[in-house]
Amino acid sequence: VQLQASGGGLVQAGGSLRLSCTASRRIFSNNGMGWFRQAPGKERDFVASIAWNGETNYSGTVKGRFTISRDNAKNSLYLQMNSLTPDDTAVYYCAAARSSYGGTMGRSYQYWGQGTQVTVSS
């Protein structure tokens, strides 16, 4: 297993969760990383990305509420999610990009974690 996501769960609207993703050093060290999510019956959507140098990018629906970060020493990626709403309910996937910057498109990512379920109740 090269990417392992964790931290999902059930939370009430307005609550917070922190997702974590550990990766092998080989695919983490110089690569952009990202979070995507897929709700039932919907396509996979971009959530946030972080470049090797810490530059971040967010989708409009989560900007201001979610924060992506990385700890290169621990080969770990994080997603702090605040002010959650039922619309945030989805399976969240971490991914390692083909390049140092990542991006918003799924095809820009080479490795994917198994996903962690986030459910927000109203």
Protein backbone atom coordinates (compact mmCIF):
# COMPACT_ATOMS: atom_id res chain seq x y z
CA VAL A 1 0.00 0.00 0.00
CA GLN A 2 1.52 3.30 -1.06
CA LEU A 3 -1.14 5.74 0.21
CA GLN A 4 -3.23 5.24 3.32
CA ALA A 5 -6.01 7.67 4.25
CA SER A 6 -7.64 7.85 7.65
CA GLY A 7 -9.62 10.13 9.92
CA GLY A 8 -13.06 9.96 8.41
CA GLY A 9 -16.18 9.47 10.45
CA LEU A 10 -19.59 10.78 11.37
CA VAL A 11 -19.91 14.39 12.49
CA GLN A 12 -22.73 16.85 12.96
CA ALA A 13 -23.13 19.86 10.71
CA GLY A 14 -20.86 22.64 11.85
CA GLY A 15 -18.32 20.21 13.23
CA SER A 16 -14.75 19.45 12.22
CA LEU A 17 -12.67 16.50 11.11
CA ARG A 18 -9.02 16.07 10.26
CA LEU A 19 -8.07 13.61 7.56
CA SER A 20 -4.60 12.15 7.34
CA CYS A 21 -2.79 10.34 4.58
CA THR A 22 0.54 8.60 4.85
CA ALA A 23 2.59 7.82 1.78
CA SER A 24 5.73 6.01 0.94
CA ARG A 25 8.75 8.28 0.78
CA ARG A 26 9.28 7.43 -2.85
CA ILE A 27 6.03 8.96 -4.01
CA PHE A 28 5.73 11.78 -1.48
CA SER A 29 9.05 13.55 -1.30
CA ASN A 30 8.96 15.76 -4.41
CA ASN A 31 5.38 15.31 -5.56
CA GLY A 32 2.33 17.47 -5.35
CA MET A 33 -0.45 15.93 -3.27
CA GLY A 34 -4.18 16.33 -3.34
CA TRP A 35 -7.52 15.46 -1.84
CA PHE A 36 -10.55 14.50 -3.90
CA ARG A 37 -14.00 13.37 -2.86
CA GLN A 38 -16.83 11.40 -4.36
CA ALA A 39 -20.40 11.53 -3.13
CA PRO A 40 -22.86 8.71 -3.95
CA GLY A 41 -24.02 8.92 -7.53
CA LYS A 42 -21.68 11.78 -8.34
CA GLU A 43 -18.35 12.17 -10.05
CA ARG A 44 -15.11 12.50 -8.17
CA ASP A 45 -14.39 16.16 -7.40
CA PHE A 46 -11.24 18.05 -6.62
CA VAL A 47 -11.04 19.36 -3.05
CA ALA A 48 -7.55 20.72 -2.48
CA SER A 49 -3.95 20.32 -3.54
CA ILE A 50 -0.55 21.22 -2.17
CA ALA A 51 2.65 21.47 -4.14
CA TRP A 52 6.03 20.20 -3.02
CA ASN A 53 6.86 23.77 -1.91
CA GLY A 54 3.66 24.21 0.10
CA GLU A 55 1.68 26.17 -2.47
CA THR A 56 -2.01 25.36 -2.00
CA ASN A 57 -5.12 25.38 -4.15
CA TYR A 58 -8.75 24.83 -3.12
CA SER A 59 -12.05 24.25 -4.79
CA GLY A 60 -14.49 27.08 -4.39
CA THR A 61 -16.84 24.98 -2.29
CA VAL A 62 -14.30 24.36 0.47
CA LYS A 63 -12.10 27.44 0.36
CA GLY A 64 -12.10 29.16 3.72
CA ARG A 65 -13.33 26.04 5.52
CA PHE A 66 -10.74 23.38 4.67
CA THR A 67 -6.97 23.55 5.04
CA ILE A 68 -4.55 21.22 3.32
CA SER A 69 -1.07 20.73 4.72
CA ARG A 70 1.85 18.36 4.47
CA ASP A 71 4.68 17.19 6.69
CA ASN A 72 7.47 16.10 4.40
CA ALA A 73 9.49 14.66 7.29
CA LYS A 74 6.63 12.27 8.05
CA ASN A 75 5.54 11.68 4.45
CA SER A 76 2.09 12.78 5.56
CA LEU A 77 -0.72 14.82 4.09
CA TYR A 78 -3.57 16.38 6.06
CA LEU A 79 -6.93 17.96 5.44
CA GLN A 80 -8.44 19.98 8.25
CA MET A 81 -12.15 20.35 7.61
CA ASN A 82 -14.16 22.92 9.55
CA SER A 83 -17.75 24.13 9.37
CA LEU A 84 -18.82 20.89 7.75
CA THR A 85 -22.18 20.65 6.03
CA PRO A 86 -24.16 17.64 4.78
CA ASP A 87 -22.97 18.52 1.27
CA ASP A 88 -19.46 17.56 2.37
CA THR A 89 -20.56 13.95 2.83
CA ALA A 90 -18.43 11.79 0.55
CA VAL A 91 -15.59 9.33 0.36
CA TYR A 92 -12.38 11.32 0.51
CA TYR A 93 -9.31 10.19 -1.39
CA CYS A 94 -5.73 11.33 -1.10
CA ALA A 95 -3.58 11.22 -4.19
CA ALA A 96 0.00 11.76 -5.25
CA ALA A 97 0.55 13.83 -8.36
CA ARG A 98 2.71 13.01 -11.36
CA SER A 99 4.42 16.37 -10.97
CA SER A 100 5.64 18.62 -8.20
CA TYR A 101 2.50 20.73 -8.29
CA GLY A 102 -0.51 18.48 -8.64
CA GLY A 103 -3.51 20.38 -9.91
CA THR A 104 -7.26 20.05 -10.00
CA MET A 105 -7.64 17.22 -12.49
CA GLY A 106 -7.70 13.61 -11.40
CA ARG A 107 -5.63 12.55 -14.39
CA SER A 108 -2.77 14.62 -12.99
CA TYR A 109 -2.44 12.14 -10.15
CA GLN A 110 -0.67 8.83 -10.34
CA TYR A 111 -1.30 7.15 -7.00
CA TRP A 112 -4.52 7.00 -5.01
CA GLY A 113 -5.38 5.97 -1.48
CA GLN A 114 -8.28 3.70 -0.65
CA GLY A 115 -10.58 6.47 0.57
CA THR A 116 -12.09 7.35 3.92
CA GLN A 117 -15.79 7.99 4.49
CA VAL A 118 -16.92 11.36 5.83
CA THR A 119 -20.57 11.66 6.81
CA VAL A 120 -22.04 14.94 8.00
CA SER A 121 -25.46 14.79 9.62
CA SER A 122 -27.87 17.71 9.63
